[in-house]
Amino acid sequence: MWRKLRILILLLILLFVALNTYFDRVYSTDWNIPLRVTVYPINGDDSDAVDVFINQLKPDRFEAMEAFFEEEADSWGLAMERPVQFQSAPPLGEQPPALDRNANVLSIMWWSLRMRYWAWQSPDLPGAAPDIKLFVIYHDPAITPAVAHSIGMQKGLYAVVNVFADRSMIGSNDVITAHELLHTLGATDKYNPSNNQPLNPIGYAEPDKQPLLPQDYAELMGGRIPVTSSKSTTPESLRQVVVGQLTAEEIGWYKE
């Protein structure tokens, strides 16, 4: 009797999670109203320099990302003013659960559940709850010269974004943040994970360009600007980035 009851409760929980995930997916990409995104800055190195950097971030620092998404959405036929709207939360003093680089499938599943709960219980700002939460972890380049891989999760609508606390890298930080944000909306990576080279044609900003290489821009989910068939460069800001057709389809901006 008790065993059947426990199984029933578990099935109901799984059904609730599945339905919640489905409606999150539908709601986040119907584009009837702008998406509300809350950004939580985190000091990733417990560094005084990172604290100073975070405290000096300006309220208008999301202007470039909001303008980028508006321009790209408009280019695919979505005429909406500021389809993605950002707001900043106070810095969090707690690090998100860490994912072991060599984690197996079960470990990843367990991390995903812990991370989803951690994101859910993070404090909301006054007013309407955000649609998406971005946990942006800033690192001191003098302490952490190479950051961990960022991750955006469609299930739960959150992302953990690792960037550098360096003013010269604000533009490239925006590119990484925008990339992970689109992962939460269902966009897929469009580069070869073995060498980070954008995939032709889906990872190219201008797949019909003649000559094809070098490209002038990066496709956001391709991540880099192809220079040759084996070499690419990192965009310095969103001014060097576009959203390609397949990505636009995946997030509901473009329908054939």
Protein backbone atom coordinates (compact mmCIF):
# COMPACT_ATOMS: atom_id res chain seq x y z
CA MET A 1 0.00 0.00 0.00
CA TRP A 2 2.66 2.49 1.07
CA ARG A 3 4.86 1.49 -1.86
CA LYS A 4 2.05 2.21 -4.31
CA LEU A 5 1.37 5.54 -2.61
CA ARG A 6 5.05 6.56 -2.88
CA ILE A 7 5.07 5.61 -6.57
CA LEU A 8 1.89 7.63 -7.15
CA ILE A 9 3.37 10.67 -5.41
CA LEU A 10 6.55 10.36 -7.46
CA LEU A 11 4.56 10.10 -10.70
CA LEU A 12 2.52 13.17 -9.75
CA ILE A 13 5.71 15.12 -9.06
CA LEU A 14 7.19 14.06 -12.41
CA LEU A 15 3.93 15.01 -14.15
CA PHE A 16 3.97 18.43 -12.48
CA VAL A 17 7.58 19.03 -13.51
CA ALA A 18 6.88 17.91 -17.07
CA LEU A 19 3.82 20.17 -17.40
CA ASN A 20 5.65 23.09 -15.83
CA THR A 21 8.54 22.62 -18.27
CA TYR A 22 6.14 22.43 -21.23
CA PHE A 23 4.28 25.60 -20.30
CA ASP A 24 7.56 27.41 -19.58
CA ARG A 25 8.71 26.48 -23.07
CA VAL A 26 5.49 27.64 -24.74
CA TYR A 27 5.21 30.86 -22.76
CA SER A 28 8.86 31.88 -23.14
CA THR A 29 8.76 31.68 -26.95
CA ASP A 30 5.27 32.91 -27.84
CA TRP A 31 6.55 36.52 -27.85
CA ASN A 32 3.20 38.04 -26.92
CA ILE A 33 4.89 40.22 -24.33
CA PRO A 34 8.56 40.99 -23.61
CA LEU A 35 10.58 38.47 -21.63
CA ARG A 36 11.68 39.63 -18.18
CA VAL A 37 15.26 38.60 -17.38
CA THR A 38 16.85 39.12 -13.97
CA VAL A 39 20.65 39.11 -13.78
CA TYR A 40 22.31 38.04 -10.53
CA PRO A 41 26.00 39.09 -10.31
CA ILE A 42 28.25 36.78 -8.30
CA ASN A 43 31.87 37.20 -7.21
CA GLY A 44 33.40 33.97 -8.47
CA ASP A 45 36.82 34.37 -6.84
CA ASP A 46 35.99 36.08 -3.52
CA SER A 47 38.18 38.86 -4.86
CA ASP A 48 38.14 42.49 -3.72
CA ALA A 49 38.82 43.56 -7.32
CA VAL A 50 35.73 41.66 -8.49
CA ASP A 51 33.63 43.28 -5.76
CA VAL A 52 34.77 46.70 -6.95
CA PHE A 53 33.98 45.78 -10.56
CA ILE A 54 30.48 44.54 -9.71
CA ASN A 55 29.71 47.60 -7.58
CA GLN A 56 30.74 49.89 -10.44
CA LEU A 57 28.46 48.25 -13.00
CA LYS A 58 26.07 50.85 -14.38
CA PRO A 59 22.28 50.46 -14.46
CA ASP A 60 22.24 50.97 -18.25
CA ARG A 61 24.76 48.19 -18.92
CA PHE A 62 22.04 46.02 -20.49
CA GLU A 63 21.27 48.58 -23.18
CA ALA A 64 23.51 46.88 -25.76
CA MET A 65 21.86 43.47 -25.24
CA GLU A 66 18.32 44.86 -25.27
CA ALA A 67 19.03 46.79 -28.48
CA PHE A 68 20.66 43.73 -30.06
CA PHE A 69 17.68 41.48 -29.41
CA GLU A 70 15.26 44.15 -30.65
CA GLU A 71 17.18 44.65 -33.91
CA GLU A 72 17.64 40.93 -34.56
CA ALA A 73 14.01 40.10 -33.75
CA ASP A 74 12.87 42.86 -36.09
CA SER A 75 15.06 41.48 -38.88
CA TRP A 76 13.09 38.19 -38.59
CA GLY A 77 9.70 39.91 -38.57
CA LEU A 78 9.04 40.24 -34.84
CA ALA A 79 8.20 43.93 -34.48
CA MET A 80 8.32 44.34 -30.70
CA GLU A 81 9.99 47.08 -28.73
CA ARG A 82 12.55 45.53 -26.39
CA PRO A 83 11.44 41.87 -26.68
CA VAL A 84 13.96 41.02 -23.94
CA GLN A 85 14.15 43.30 -20.92
CA PHE A 86 16.90 43.00 -18.30
CA GLN A 87 17.07 44.05 -14.68
CA SER A 88 19.84 43.57 -12.15
CA ALA A 89 19.48 41.99 -8.74
CA PRO A 90 21.82 42.71 -5.82
CA PRO A 91 24.97 40.54 -5.84
CA LEU A 92 24.55 37.02 -4.50
CA GLY A 93 26.98 35.88 -1.84
CA GLU A 94 26.48 32.20 -2.62
CA GLN A 95 27.93 30.19 -5.49
CA PRO A 96 25.62 27.92 -7.52
CA PRO A 97 26.11 24.14 -7.25
CA ALA A 98 29.24 23.09 -9.14
CA LEU A 99 29.15 20.56 -11.95
CA ASP A 100 32.08 18.16 -12.06
CA ARG A 101 33.77 18.33 -15.46
CA ASN A 102 33.96 14.51 -15.52
CA ALA A 103 30.42 13.95 -14.27
CA ASN A 104 28.48 10.97 -15.60
CA VAL A 105 24.84 11.04 -16.70
CA LEU A 106 23.45 10.38 -13.21
CA SER A 107 25.67 13.06 -11.68
CA ILE A 108 24.54 15.55 -14.30
CA MET A 109 20.88 14.73 -13.61
CA TRP A 110 21.41 15.18 -9.86
CA TRP A 111 23.26 18.47 -10.45
CA SER A 112 20.42 19.66 -12.71
CA LEU A 113 17.85 19.04 -9.98
CA ARG A 114 19.97 20.79 -7.35
CA MET A 115 20.69 23.69 -9.67
CA ARG A 116 17.04 24.07 -10.60
CA TYR A 117 16.06 24.25 -6.92
CA TRP A 118 18.93 26.67 -6.20
CA ALA A 119 17.77 28.94 -9.03
CA TRP A 120 14.15 28.71 -7.92
CA GLN A 121 14.91 29.78 -4.35
CA SER A 122 17.10 32.75 -5.34
CA PRO A 123 15.52 36.02 -4.19
CA ASP A 124 13.23 37.83 -6.63
CA LEU A 125 13.05 41.59 -7.03
CA PRO A 126 9.84 43.45 -6.12
CA GLY A 127 7.15 43.20 -8.77
CA ALA A 128 6.49 40.50 -11.33
CA ALA A 129 8.68 37.40 -11.12
CA PRO A 130 11.27 37.07 -13.90
CA ASP A 131 10.76 34.70 -16.79
CA ILE A 132 14.48 33.85 -16.91
CA LYS A 133 17.25 34.05 -14.32
CA LEU A 134 20.87 34.60 -15.34
CA PHE A 135 23.54 33.97 -12.71
CA VAL A 136 26.57 35.86 -14.02
CA ILE A 137 29.75 34.82 -12.22
CA TYR A 138 32.54 37.38 -12.55
CA HIS A 139 36.15 36.21 -12.30
CA ASP A 140 39.37 38.10 -11.69
CA PRO A 141 41.67 37.38 -14.67
CA ALA A 142 44.67 37.56 -12.32
CA ILE A 143 43.24 34.69 -10.28
CA THR A 144 41.27 32.74 -12.89
CA PRO A 145 42.86 33.14 -16.34
CA ALA A 146 40.43 30.62 -17.90
CA VAL A 147 36.79 30.37 -16.82
CA ALA A 148 34.56 27.30 -16.73
CA HIS A 149 32.09 26.62 -19.53
CA SER A 150 28.83 28.56 -19.20
CA ILE A 151 25.53 26.72 -19.37
CA GLY A 152 21.96 27.73 -20.20
CA MET A 153 19.07 25.43 -19.28
CA GLN A 154 15.70 25.43 -21.00
CA LYS A 155 14.27 23.26 -18.22
CA GLY A 156 14.02 25.78 -15.42
CA LEU A 157 14.77 28.85 -17.57
CA TYR A 158 18.09 29.77 -15.98
CA ALA A 159 21.72 30.10 -17.01
CA VAL A 160 25.08 30.14 -15.25
CA VAL A 161 27.38 32.49 -17.14
CA ASN A 162 31.11 32.69 -16.43
CA VAL A 163 32.76 35.96 -17.50
CA PHE A 164 35.71 38.17 -16.62
CA ALA A 165 35.61 41.22 -14.37
CA ASP A 166 37.51 43.28 -16.93
CA ARG A 167 36.19 46.43 -18.57
CA SER A 168 37.93 45.59 -21.82
CA MET A 169 35.83 42.41 -22.03
CA ILE A 170 32.38 43.87 -21.36
CA GLY A 171 31.46 43.47 -25.04
CA SER A 172 32.53 39.82 -25.23
CA ASN A 173 30.81 39.19 -21.87
CA ASP A 174 27.58 40.42 -23.49
CA VAL A 175 28.06 37.94 -26.34
CA ILE A 176 28.46 35.03 -23.91
CA THR A 177 25.46 36.16 -21.87
CA ALA A 178 23.25 36.51 -24.95
CA HIS A 179 24.37 33.06 -26.17
CA GLU A 180 23.42 31.37 -22.90
CA LEU A 181 20.14 33.29 -22.71
CA LEU A 182 19.09 31.82 -26.06
CA HIS A 183 19.92 28.33 -24.75
CA THR A 184 17.18 28.84 -22.14
CA LEU A 185 14.77 29.50 -25.03
CA GLY A 186 15.67 26.31 -26.88
CA ALA A 187 18.44 27.49 -29.21
CA THR A 188 21.11 24.87 -29.88
CA ASP A 189 24.87 25.25 -30.26
CA LYS A 190 26.05 25.56 -33.84
CA TYR A 191 29.75 24.86 -33.49
CA ASN A 192 31.91 21.77 -33.36
CA PRO A 193 32.66 21.13 -29.65
CA SER A 194 35.94 19.43 -30.52
CA ASN A 195 37.50 22.59 -31.96
CA ASN A 196 34.91 25.38 -31.37
CA GLN A 197 34.69 26.02 -35.11
CA PRO A 198 31.25 27.24 -36.30
CA LEU A 199 29.37 24.68 -38.37
CA ASN A 200 28.77 25.53 -42.01
CA PRO A 201 26.12 26.61 -42.91
CA ILE A 202 24.05 26.77 -39.69
CA GLY A 203 26.79 28.40 -37.60
CA TYR A 204 27.67 31.03 -40.19
CA ALA A 205 26.20 34.52 -40.09
CA GLU A 206 26.34 34.81 -43.89
CA PRO A 207 26.17 31.25 -45.28
CA ASP A 208 25.53 32.54 -48.83
CA LYS A 209 28.43 35.01 -48.90
CA GLN A 210 30.79 34.78 -51.87
CA PRO A 211 33.56 34.12 -51.24
CA LEU A 212 32.36 32.36 -48.11
CA LEU A 213 35.48 33.08 -46.04
CA PRO A 214 36.38 35.13 -44.19
CA GLN A 215 33.03 35.90 -42.61
CA ASP A 216 32.37 39.40 -41.27
CA TYR A 217 30.12 38.43 -38.38
CA ALA A 218 29.50 35.61 -35.91
CA GLU A 219 26.22 33.73 -35.69
CA LEU A 220 25.28 33.99 -32.02
CA MET A 221 24.97 30.25 -31.40
CA GLY A 222 27.96 29.55 -33.66
CA GLY A 223 29.92 31.66 -31.22
CA ARG A 224 32.83 32.79 -33.39
CA ILE A 225 33.67 34.58 -36.64
CA PRO A 226 35.01 32.06 -39.20
CA VAL A 227 38.22 33.28 -40.85
CA THR A 228 39.32 30.09 -42.58
CA SER A 229 37.98 26.53 -42.57
CA SER A 230 40.09 25.85 -39.48
CA LYS A 231 40.40 29.25 -37.79
CA SER A 232 37.92 31.63 -36.22
CA THR A 233 38.00 34.68 -33.93
CA THR A 234 35.97 35.70 -30.91
CA PRO A 235 33.58 38.64 -31.47
CA GLU A 236 34.45 41.63 -29.33
CA SER A 237 30.85 42.82 -28.97
CA LEU A 238 27.31 42.18 -30.15
CA ARG A 239 27.94 44.60 -33.03
CA GLN A 240 29.81 41.69 -34.65
CA VAL A 241 27.02 39.16 -34.08
CA VAL A 242 23.74 38.19 -35.75
CA VAL A 243 21.00 35.61 -35.11
CA GLY A 244 20.83 33.08 -37.96
CA GLN A 245 17.74 31.53 -39.49
CA LEU A 246 17.82 28.20 -37.66
CA THR A 247 18.33 29.94 -34.32
CA ALA A 248 15.46 32.31 -35.11
CA GLU A 249 13.26 29.29 -35.85
CA GLU A 250 14.26 27.54 -32.62
CA ILE A 251 13.27 30.50 -30.44
CA GLY A 252 10.05 31.32 -32.28
CA TRP A 253 11.12 34.43 -34.18
CA TYR A 254 10.87 32.95 -37.65
CA LYS A 255 8.36 30.56 -39.19
CA GLU A 256 8.58 29.39 -42.77
